[in-house]
Structure formats: C-alpha cells, structure tokens
Amino acid sequence: MILRSHFARKHRQSIIQSLSSASTITRKRTFALASPSASHQDSDHHTYKLNHKDWLSPTEVLKIFSNLRDPISVISVLNQYSKRKDYNPNEALYTLIINKLSQAKSFDAIEDIMQRIKVEKLCRFSDGFFYNVIKIYGNMAGRISKAIETLFDMPSYNCWPSVKTFNLVLNLLVSAKLYGEIQGIYTSAAKLGVEIDACCLNILLKGLCENGNLEAAFYVLDEFPKQNCEPNVRTFSTLMHGLCEKGNVEEAFGLLERMESEGIDADTVTFNILISGLRKQGKVEEGMKLLERMKGKGCYPNSASYQEVLYGLLDKRRFPEAKELVGRMICERMSPSFVSYKKLIHGLCNQKLVEDVDWVLKKMVQQGFVPRMGMWREIVGCVTFGKDNSNRVYVTETVDSLAS
C-alpha cells in the first residue's frame, strides 16, 4: 500500500512536470506563431485606411506615407492609393515620397516618380519642389546630367526656375569641375526666364578662376554693371584667390585697393587669402603686418589667419618667434594644427632648445594632440644630447605625466 502510494505520487509529479513542459512549449509556439502576425499587423497598421471606402483628406494621406518604415514601400502604397476614387496627390505628398526614396538611395525610382508626375498632370509644383529634386540628383546621387535635365524640363511641368534653382545647378557644375558645361547653362538663363544676379556671376567667376582662366574671370567682373549687378566682397575675394594661386600677389593687392575705393569692406576671408599669398612667396614680415592691419580695419583675425603666419615663420625656420605666436593663439582660444606643432618641435629639437620643446610639448598635449613615435625620438634625442643636460627633467616630467 505504501509502495503504491509512493508510485502514485511519483506518477502524478511526472504528469505535472510533463503538463508544465507542454504548457511552456505551447506558449512558445503560440508566441512564435503570433509574432509574424503581429509584425504583419504593424506593417499594415498605417495603410489599412487605404482599403476602406471612407474619403481620405490630404493630411491623412500624408500621415500614412510619413509613417511608413520601409522607404521602398512608398511605391507600392502610392500604387494602392492611386486606385482610389479620392486619389488626389499634391506637392507635399510627392516631396515626401521623393525624400524617402532618396534616403534609401533609390534614385532610379525617383526618376520614375518624376515621369509619373509629368504624365498625370494632377497638381501644380513650386520652384522649391524642383530645387529639392535637383539637389538630390546633384549632391546625393551624383547625377549632374539629370540635375541639368530637370532644370530645363521644369517648364514642361508648368513651372519656371528661380535664379536660386538656376544658381544651384551652376554650383553643382563648379563643384564637379565640369567647367565646360557652365557657359552653356549660363547663356540659357534668358531662355529659362532667369534674371542674372550677383550670386550667379560670382559662381561663374569662381569656376573660371578654378579652371585657371583669369582673363575670362576679369571679363565677368566687367559684366556686373551690364547685368545691373554690383560686385561684392565675395567677387573680389574669388579673383584675389585666383591671382594668388598664379603668384600674382601684387595684382591681388591692387584689387584690394580697388574694392576699398568702391566702398566694399574686406572681410577675414579676403585678408586670409592675401596672407596666404604672401606666405607662398616667403614674405613673412608683410604677412605679419597685414595681420595687424586687419585689426585696424575692425576685421579680427581667425585661426586660419594666424595659422598662415605661423606656417610662414616655420618655413623660414624662425622657431622661437613661431613658439611665441603659438602662445598668442592659445591665449586667444585658437588651436594650432598638428602639423604646425610637429614642425615646431622638429625645429626646436634641431636647435637644442629643450625648454622651448618642453613648453610646446605640454601645450600640444593640452590641445588634445598625441605625439607620434617619430616625434618622441626627436624629443629624446634633443634631451639626451642637448647642450644643457640640466633641462632633461622638463621633458621627463611630461613623459611621465603622459604615461600615468
């Protein structure tokens, strides 16, 4: 009897365990079967309204498309929406669709959408819509030819380009260095109903300067009054940069005098171009004087201004003066470049100026730069074989602080 009772209890426990295991397995299976269904419901959660006959407002349609997680699905959802009686797409919807396709880098699909818009002719589009499409073609897709085609195709959508959109295409051509295409686009302005502005001429001028055609660039400068435009500081800065690149620094200074006589104030970019031009000719003193002249005109130097003068001092191996300029930059909350620190330490090590090496090294580390192995070898060599061996402690302390 006791044995039967014992076996009965064991049997019940075995059954309970089996039922418990079965229940767990069932729950897992139920969850596994439910998961895909839940996922499917989630994907259809925002599009189920398209299957109903209730009229959808433009705002509701936008919400459906904006909530789609998969950008590629906008095509199938658009096809589904187009079968409805209340199908009435607008610019906002197509802008949303195109932006989603651009995020997915589906640029061929964007071309299909643009063709669809042209065929449907169901709504009007603003210049801003085409500006966005052209920007996507040029900056994201790298399809410059498609950007140009879209610009010239705008009238077929009953929309004429603004000068802003026109200038965008010119900028894309300059950025892509397609200088041969720029003139053709520029001369088409009248055909597209675009009125040339100063920005347009500046872009054209920039392309000519980058292509090394300074003669044509100065011809564009003469075009400003003919187009009822006034040259600005960017016009002259672009020309000065082109001249300095050719080594014609004196002519660049001549332009500075001309712009000042015409009442156009030079900005920091203008002075930086001239300082850089002087440095390339080894005229460090003139560059330092120009740096001070900037302040006298109420135009304060930035990090690039000081950096050009610093490179000039380093090129001339005037390392103690370069070190002083580094200190001045740091006091004005500007950070010298890693390259300038590297060149300065190299020069100071060659001149066995151990204290100066230590000072520059500490500032370099404080600025967040980490010396590389070659630089450490130079520093150790300077300390070990320097004339004043008592200064070894300075660099040793810096090395210890880095290691800790």
Protein backbone atom coordinates (compact mmCIF):
# COMPACT_ATOMS: atom_id res chain seq x y z
CA MET A 1 0.00 0.00 0.00
CA ILE A 2 2.82 2.34 0.91
CA LEU A 3 4.63 1.36 -2.27
CA ARG A 4 1.50 2.01 -4.38
CA SER A 5 1.10 5.39 -2.72
CA HIS A 6 4.76 6.22 -3.41
CA PHE A 7 4.50 5.22 -7.08
CA ALA A 8 1.23 7.15 -7.41
CA ARG A 9 2.87 10.32 -6.08
CA LYS A 10 5.83 9.87 -8.46
CA HIS A 11 3.46 9.33 -11.35
CA ARG A 12 1.44 12.46 -10.50
CA GLN A 13 4.64 14.52 -10.26
CA SER A 14 5.80 13.16 -13.62
CA ILE A 15 2.47 14.04 -15.19
CA ILE A 16 2.51 17.55 -13.69
CA GLN A 17 6.05 18.11 -14.99
CA SER A 18 5.05 16.86 -18.43
CA LEU A 19 1.98 19.11 -18.45
CA SER A 20 4.11 22.05 -17.32
CA SER A 21 6.65 21.40 -20.10
CA ALA A 22 3.89 21.00 -22.64
CA SER A 23 2.33 24.27 -21.49
CA THR A 24 5.66 26.06 -21.86
CA ILE A 25 6.20 24.63 -25.35
CA THR A 26 2.65 25.58 -26.31
CA ARG A 27 3.17 29.15 -25.10
CA LYS A 28 6.43 29.37 -27.11
CA ARG A 29 4.71 28.01 -30.19
CA THR A 30 1.81 30.41 -29.74
CA PHE A 31 4.23 33.35 -29.38
CA ALA A 32 6.24 32.20 -32.41
CA LEU A 33 3.08 31.93 -34.48
CA ALA A 34 1.77 35.24 -33.18
CA SER A 35 4.95 37.18 -33.82
CA PRO A 36 4.85 37.22 -37.64
CA SER A 37 1.17 38.09 -37.45
CA ALA A 38 1.96 40.98 -35.09
CA SER A 39 4.73 42.12 -37.40
CA HIS A 40 2.39 41.93 -40.37
CA GLN A 41 -0.26 43.88 -38.50
CA ASP A 42 2.32 46.53 -37.63
CA SER A 43 3.31 46.90 -41.30
CA ASP A 44 -0.35 47.25 -42.30
CA HIS A 45 -1.27 49.44 -39.34
CA HIS A 46 -0.87 52.73 -41.22
CA THR A 47 -2.13 51.55 -44.65
CA TYR A 48 -5.34 49.79 -43.66
CA LYS A 49 -7.30 53.01 -44.30
CA LEU A 50 -6.45 52.73 -47.99
CA ASN A 51 -8.60 49.59 -48.16
CA HIS A 52 -11.66 51.39 -46.79
CA LYS A 53 -14.04 53.44 -48.88
CA ASP A 54 -14.06 56.37 -46.47
CA TRP A 55 -12.80 59.57 -48.05
CA LEU A 56 -9.21 60.44 -47.05
CA SER A 57 -8.12 64.02 -46.57
CA PRO A 58 -4.69 65.13 -47.89
CA THR A 59 -3.47 65.34 -44.29
CA GLU A 60 -4.50 61.72 -43.61
CA VAL A 61 -2.75 60.57 -46.79
CA LEU A 62 0.44 62.38 -45.78
CA LYS A 63 0.29 60.70 -42.38
CA ILE A 64 0.01 57.26 -43.97
CA PHE A 65 3.10 57.82 -46.11
CA SER A 66 5.16 59.54 -43.43
CA ASN A 67 4.63 56.60 -41.04
CA LEU A 68 5.96 54.00 -43.48
CA ARG A 69 9.08 52.45 -42.02
CA ASP A 70 10.37 50.94 -45.25
CA PRO A 71 11.16 53.79 -47.70
CA ILE A 72 10.88 51.48 -50.71
CA SER A 73 7.29 50.61 -49.78
CA VAL A 74 6.15 54.11 -50.77
CA ILE A 75 5.93 52.96 -54.40
CA SER A 76 3.51 50.09 -53.70
CA VAL A 77 1.50 52.25 -51.30
CA LEU A 78 1.30 55.02 -53.93
CA ASN A 79 0.03 52.49 -56.47
CA GLN A 80 -2.56 51.33 -53.93
CA TYR A 81 -3.62 54.92 -53.26
CA SER A 82 -3.87 55.71 -57.00
CA LYS A 83 -6.66 53.11 -57.38
CA ARG A 84 -8.92 55.01 -55.02
CA LYS A 85 -11.63 57.40 -56.25
CA ASP A 86 -10.31 60.14 -53.97
CA TYR A 87 -6.80 59.89 -55.43
CA ASN A 88 -5.55 63.48 -55.42
CA PRO A 89 -1.76 63.70 -54.95
CA ASN A 90 -0.17 67.06 -54.22
CA GLU A 91 3.30 68.61 -54.00
CA ALA A 92 3.66 67.82 -50.29
CA LEU A 93 2.98 64.11 -50.92
CA TYR A 94 5.41 63.83 -53.82
CA THR A 95 8.07 65.72 -51.87
CA LEU A 96 7.66 63.23 -49.02
CA ILE A 97 7.86 60.25 -51.40
CA ILE A 98 10.97 61.59 -53.17
CA ASN A 99 12.72 62.35 -49.88
CA LYS A 100 12.01 58.84 -48.60
CA LEU A 101 13.35 57.30 -51.81
CA SER A 102 16.47 59.48 -51.61
CA GLN A 103 17.10 58.22 -48.06
CA ALA A 104 17.00 54.69 -49.46
CA LYS A 105 19.29 55.82 -52.33
CA SER A 106 16.63 54.60 -54.77
CA PHE A 107 17.38 57.25 -57.38
CA ASP A 108 16.02 55.28 -60.34
CA ALA A 109 12.66 55.19 -58.56
CA ILE A 110 12.79 58.99 -58.21
CA GLU A 111 13.19 59.28 -61.98
CA ASP A 112 10.12 57.07 -62.39
CA ILE A 113 8.16 59.28 -59.99
CA MET A 114 9.14 62.41 -61.93
CA GLN A 115 7.95 60.79 -65.16
CA ARG A 116 4.71 59.77 -63.46
CA ILE A 117 4.12 63.36 -62.32
CA LYS A 118 4.60 64.64 -65.87
CA VAL A 119 2.10 62.12 -67.28
CA GLU A 120 -0.54 62.55 -64.54
CA LYS A 121 -0.60 66.38 -64.53
CA LEU A 122 -2.82 66.29 -61.46
CA CYS A 123 -1.25 69.14 -59.49
CA ARG A 124 0.98 72.19 -59.77
CA PHE A 125 4.51 72.29 -58.39
CA SER A 126 6.55 75.14 -56.99
CA ASP A 127 10.13 76.03 -57.75
CA GLY A 128 11.04 74.74 -54.27
CA PHE A 129 9.95 71.21 -55.25
CA PHE A 130 12.33 71.13 -58.22
CA TYR A 131 15.11 72.74 -56.17
CA ASN A 132 14.87 69.77 -53.80
CA VAL A 133 14.88 67.22 -56.65
CA ILE A 134 17.87 68.87 -58.37
CA LYS A 135 19.75 68.98 -55.06
CA ILE A 136 19.13 65.24 -54.56
CA TYR A 137 20.30 64.43 -58.09
CA GLY A 138 23.42 66.56 -57.74
CA ASN A 139 24.53 66.12 -54.12
CA MET A 140 23.24 62.68 -53.18
CA ALA A 141 23.00 60.75 -56.43
CA GLY A 142 25.93 62.34 -58.26
CA ARG A 143 23.73 62.56 -61.36
CA ILE A 144 24.69 66.03 -62.58
CA SER A 145 23.32 65.42 -66.06
CA LYS A 146 19.95 64.53 -64.53
CA ALA A 147 20.05 67.73 -62.47
CA ILE A 148 20.63 69.77 -65.64
CA GLU A 149 17.89 67.88 -67.47
CA THR A 150 15.44 68.59 -64.63
CA LEU A 151 16.27 72.31 -64.75
CA PHE A 152 15.49 72.54 -68.47
CA ASP A 153 12.47 70.26 -68.08
CA MET A 154 10.77 72.46 -65.46
CA PRO A 155 8.64 74.42 -67.99
CA SER A 156 7.03 71.14 -69.12
CA TYR A 157 5.69 70.86 -65.54
CA ASN A 158 4.29 74.41 -65.85
CA CYS A 159 6.96 75.79 -63.55
CA TRP A 160 9.81 78.17 -64.35
CA PRO A 161 13.07 78.07 -62.40
CA SER A 162 14.01 80.82 -60.00
CA VAL A 163 17.50 82.29 -60.00
CA LYS A 164 18.14 80.30 -56.79
CA THR A 165 17.48 76.98 -58.57
CA PHE A 166 19.46 78.16 -61.60
CA ASN A 167 22.43 79.03 -59.37
CA LEU A 168 22.20 75.65 -57.66
CA VAL A 169 22.88 73.92 -60.99
CA LEU A 170 25.81 76.28 -61.70
CA ASN A 171 27.23 75.48 -58.26
CA LEU A 172 26.89 71.75 -58.88
CA LEU A 173 28.86 72.12 -62.12
CA VAL A 174 31.63 74.10 -60.41
CA SER A 175 31.83 71.56 -57.56
CA ALA A 176 32.06 68.72 -60.07
CA LYS A 177 34.69 70.68 -62.06
CA LEU A 178 32.56 70.46 -65.19
CA TYR A 179 33.75 73.87 -66.32
CA GLY A 180 32.95 73.23 -69.98
CA GLU A 181 29.23 72.92 -69.18
CA ILE A 182 28.95 76.18 -67.20
CA GLN A 183 28.95 78.59 -70.14
CA GLY A 184 26.14 76.68 -71.87
CA ILE A 185 23.95 76.81 -68.77
CA TYR A 186 24.75 80.49 -68.15
CA THR A 187 23.76 81.55 -71.67
CA SER A 188 20.44 79.69 -71.28
CA ALA A 189 19.28 82.00 -68.48
CA ALA A 190 17.08 84.14 -70.73
CA LYS A 191 15.51 81.06 -72.35
CA LEU A 192 14.54 79.81 -68.87
CA GLY A 193 13.25 83.22 -67.82
CA VAL A 194 16.01 83.67 -65.23
CA GLU A 195 17.30 87.14 -64.42
CA ILE A 196 21.04 87.05 -63.72
CA ASP A 197 22.09 88.25 -60.24
CA ALA A 198 25.43 88.89 -58.49
CA CYS A 199 25.45 85.38 -56.99
CA CYS A 200 25.16 83.86 -60.47
CA LEU A 201 28.09 85.93 -61.76
CA ASN A 202 30.16 85.03 -58.68
CA ILE A 203 29.61 81.32 -59.32
CA LEU A 204 30.62 81.75 -62.94
CA LEU A 205 33.67 83.74 -61.87
CA LYS A 206 34.63 81.07 -59.34
CA GLY A 207 34.51 78.35 -61.99
CA LEU A 208 36.72 80.35 -64.34
CA CYS A 209 39.27 81.06 -61.57
CA GLU A 210 39.39 77.41 -60.52
CA ASN A 211 39.94 76.49 -64.16
CA GLY A 212 42.83 78.98 -64.33
CA ASN A 213 41.11 81.24 -66.86
CA LEU A 214 41.71 84.57 -65.13
CA GLU A 215 41.31 86.60 -68.31
CA ALA A 216 37.73 85.38 -68.72
CA ALA A 217 37.16 85.89 -64.98
CA PHE A 218 38.02 89.58 -65.27
CA TYR A 219 35.69 89.77 -68.26
CA VAL A 220 32.89 88.54 -65.96
CA LEU A 221 33.83 91.30 -63.49
CA ASP A 222 33.15 93.80 -66.28
CA GLU A 223 29.77 92.13 -66.86
CA PHE A 224 28.43 93.16 -63.43
CA PRO A 225 27.30 96.69 -64.40
CA LYS A 226 25.98 95.39 -67.74
CA GLN A 227 23.71 93.00 -65.83
CA ASN A 228 22.68 95.72 -63.36
CA CYS A 229 24.58 93.93 -60.61
CA GLU A 230 27.16 95.20 -58.13
CA PRO A 231 30.29 93.17 -57.28
CA ASN A 232 30.64 92.34 -53.59
CA VAL A 233 33.40 91.20 -51.25
CA ARG A 234 32.99 87.59 -52.47
CA THR A 235 33.56 88.72 -56.06
CA PHE A 236 36.88 90.34 -55.25
CA SER A 237 37.98 87.58 -52.84
CA THR A 238 37.47 84.96 -55.54
CA LEU A 239 39.56 86.95 -58.01
CA MET A 240 42.27 87.58 -55.39
CA HIS A 241 42.47 83.86 -54.67
CA GLY A 242 42.86 83.12 -58.37
CA LEU A 243 45.63 85.72 -58.68
CA CYS A 244 47.47 84.47 -55.59
CA GLU A 245 47.31 80.90 -56.90
CA LYS A 246 49.09 82.17 -60.01
CA GLY A 247 51.64 84.05 -57.89
CA ASN A 248 50.28 87.48 -58.83
CA VAL A 249 50.06 88.78 -55.26
CA GLU A 250 50.71 92.41 -56.20
CA GLU A 251 47.73 92.37 -58.56
CA ALA A 252 45.65 90.89 -55.75
CA PHE A 253 46.60 93.84 -53.52
CA GLY A 254 45.61 96.12 -56.40
CA LEU A 255 42.13 94.58 -56.26
CA LEU A 256 42.07 95.21 -52.51
CA GLU A 257 42.66 98.92 -53.16
CA ARG A 258 40.01 98.93 -55.88
CA MET A 259 37.34 97.33 -53.71
CA GLU A 260 38.10 99.71 -50.83
CA SER A 261 37.84 102.69 -53.19
CA GLU A 262 34.42 101.39 -54.27
CA GLY A 263 33.27 101.29 -50.64
CA ILE A 264 33.44 97.49 -50.24
CA ASP A 265 34.96 96.40 -46.92
CA ALA A 266 37.34 93.46 -46.96
CA ASP A 267 36.44 90.59 -44.61
CA THR A 268 38.56 87.98 -42.83
CA VAL A 269 38.44 85.64 -45.84
CA THR A 270 39.86 88.38 -48.06
CA PHE A 271 42.78 89.09 -45.73
CA ASN A 272 43.47 85.38 -45.23
CA ILE A 273 43.78 84.91 -49.00
CA LEU A 274 46.34 87.72 -49.17
CA ILE A 275 48.28 86.46 -46.12
CA SER A 276 48.42 83.00 -47.70
CA GLY A 277 49.64 84.51 -50.98
CA LEU A 278 52.41 86.39 -49.14
CA ARG A 279 53.46 83.24 -47.28
CA LYS A 280 53.82 81.29 -50.52
CA GLN A 281 56.22 83.99 -51.72
CA GLY A 282 58.17 83.85 -48.45
CA LYS A 283 57.08 87.34 -47.41
CA VAL A 284 56.52 86.60 -43.73
CA GLU A 285 57.07 90.15 -42.47
CA GLU A 286 54.44 91.51 -44.85
CA GLY A 287 52.06 88.79 -43.70
CA MET A 288 52.57 89.75 -40.05
CA LYS A 289 51.95 93.42 -40.86
CA LEU A 290 48.78 92.53 -42.74
CA LEU A 291 47.63 90.58 -39.69
CA GLU A 292 47.89 93.78 -37.63
CA ARG A 293 46.32 95.84 -40.41
CA MET A 294 43.24 93.66 -40.23
CA LYS A 295 42.60 94.69 -36.65
CA GLY A 296 42.99 98.35 -37.54
CA LYS A 297 40.14 97.96 -40.01
CA GLY A 298 37.91 96.28 -37.43
CA CYS A 299 38.34 92.87 -39.06
CA TYR A 300 39.59 90.43 -36.46
CA PRO A 301 41.86 87.53 -37.49
CA ASN A 302 40.62 83.98 -37.05
CA SER A 303 42.51 80.72 -36.59
CA ALA A 304 43.28 80.49 -40.32
CA SER A 305 44.82 84.00 -40.28
CA TYR A 306 47.27 83.09 -37.52
CA GLN A 307 47.91 79.65 -38.99
CA GLU A 308 49.15 81.12 -42.29
CA VAL A 309 51.58 83.44 -40.48
CA LEU A 310 52.69 80.52 -38.28
CA TYR A 311 53.43 78.38 -41.34
CA GLY A 312 55.39 81.30 -42.78
CA LEU A 313 57.58 81.54 -39.66
CA LEU A 314 58.11 77.77 -39.67
CA ASP A 315 59.07 77.84 -43.36
CA LYS A 316 61.68 80.50 -42.52
CA ARG A 317 62.94 78.42 -39.55
CA ARG A 318 62.12 81.24 -37.14
CA PHE A 319 61.16 78.78 -34.43
CA PRO A 320 61.34 80.98 -31.29
CA GLU A 321 59.01 83.51 -32.97
CA ALA A 322 56.75 80.67 -34.05
CA LYS A 323 56.60 79.48 -30.46
CA GLU A 324 55.55 82.97 -29.32
CA LEU A 325 52.80 83.05 -31.95
CA VAL A 326 51.55 79.65 -30.76
CA GLY A 327 51.28 81.11 -27.26
CA ARG A 328 49.35 84.07 -28.64
CA MET A 329 46.96 81.79 -30.50
CA ILE A 330 46.29 79.72 -27.38
CA CYS A 331 45.64 82.89 -25.34
CA GLU A 332 43.04 83.88 -27.93
CA ARG A 333 41.48 80.39 -27.70
CA MET A 334 42.70 79.20 -31.07
CA SER A 335 44.30 75.82 -31.65
CA PRO A 336 47.38 75.48 -33.89
CA SER A 337 47.30 72.50 -36.23
CA PHE A 338 49.04 69.18 -35.51
CA VAL A 339 51.34 69.79 -38.49
CA SER A 340 52.49 73.14 -37.09
CA TYR A 341 53.21 71.56 -33.69
CA LYS A 342 55.16 68.80 -35.41
CA LYS A 343 57.24 71.26 -37.47
CA LEU A 344 57.85 73.49 -34.46
CA ILE A 345 59.06 70.65 -32.23
CA HIS A 346 61.28 69.38 -35.05
CA GLY A 347 62.85 72.83 -35.46
CA LEU A 348 63.30 73.45 -31.75
CA CYS A 349 64.88 69.99 -31.31
CA ASN A 350 67.37 70.73 -34.10
CA GLN A 351 68.30 73.96 -32.34
CA LYS A 352 68.56 72.09 -28.99
CA LEU A 353 66.12 74.49 -27.29
CA VAL A 354 65.00 71.99 -24.68
CA GLU A 355 62.91 74.32 -22.53
CA ASP A 356 61.00 75.51 -25.56
CA VAL A 357 60.47 71.90 -26.67
CA ASP A 358 59.05 71.07 -23.27
CA TRP A 359 56.69 74.07 -23.35
CA VAL A 360 55.42 73.29 -26.85
CA LEU A 361 55.01 69.59 -25.99
CA LYS A 362 52.87 70.41 -22.96
CA LYS A 363 50.69 72.81 -24.94
CA MET A 364 50.32 70.25 -27.70
CA VAL A 365 49.09 67.60 -25.26
CA GLN A 366 46.74 70.10 -23.59
CA GLN A 367 45.24 70.84 -27.00
CA GLY A 368 44.40 67.14 -27.36
CA PHE A 369 47.17 66.08 -29.78
CA VAL A 370 49.19 62.92 -29.15
CA PRO A 371 52.84 62.94 -30.28
CA ARG A 372 53.82 60.03 -32.52
CA MET A 373 56.81 57.77 -32.19
CA GLY A 374 59.00 59.76 -34.60
CA MET A 375 58.36 62.92 -32.62
CA TRP A 376 59.26 61.18 -29.34
CA ARG A 377 62.55 60.01 -30.83
CA GLU A 378 63.40 63.60 -31.74
CA ILE A 379 62.49 64.84 -28.28
CA VAL A 380 64.50 62.14 -26.52
CA GLY A 381 67.45 62.84 -28.80
CA CYS A 382 67.22 66.54 -28.04
CA VAL A 383 67.15 65.95 -24.29
CA THR A 384 69.89 63.34 -24.30
CA PHE A 385 72.36 65.21 -26.48
CA GLY A 386 71.30 68.78 -25.71
CA LYS A 387 73.88 71.29 -24.56
CA ASP A 388 72.14 71.92 -21.26
CA ASN A 389 71.70 68.50 -19.63
CA SER A 390 70.10 70.05 -16.55
CA ASN A 391 66.95 70.58 -18.60
CA ARG A 392 66.29 66.86 -19.02
CA VAL A 393 63.87 66.93 -16.10
CA TYR A 394 61.35 69.04 -18.03
CA VAL A 395 60.64 66.54 -20.79
CA THR A 396 60.96 63.62 -18.36
CA GLU A 397 58.14 65.06 -16.26
CA THR A 398 55.99 65.49 -19.37
CA VAL A 399 56.65 61.90 -20.49
CA ASP A 400 55.79 60.61 -17.00
CA SER A 401 52.53 62.58 -16.98
CA LEU A 402 51.56 61.09 -20.34
CA ALA A 403 52.36 57.56 -19.19
CA SER A 404 50.35 57.90 -15.97
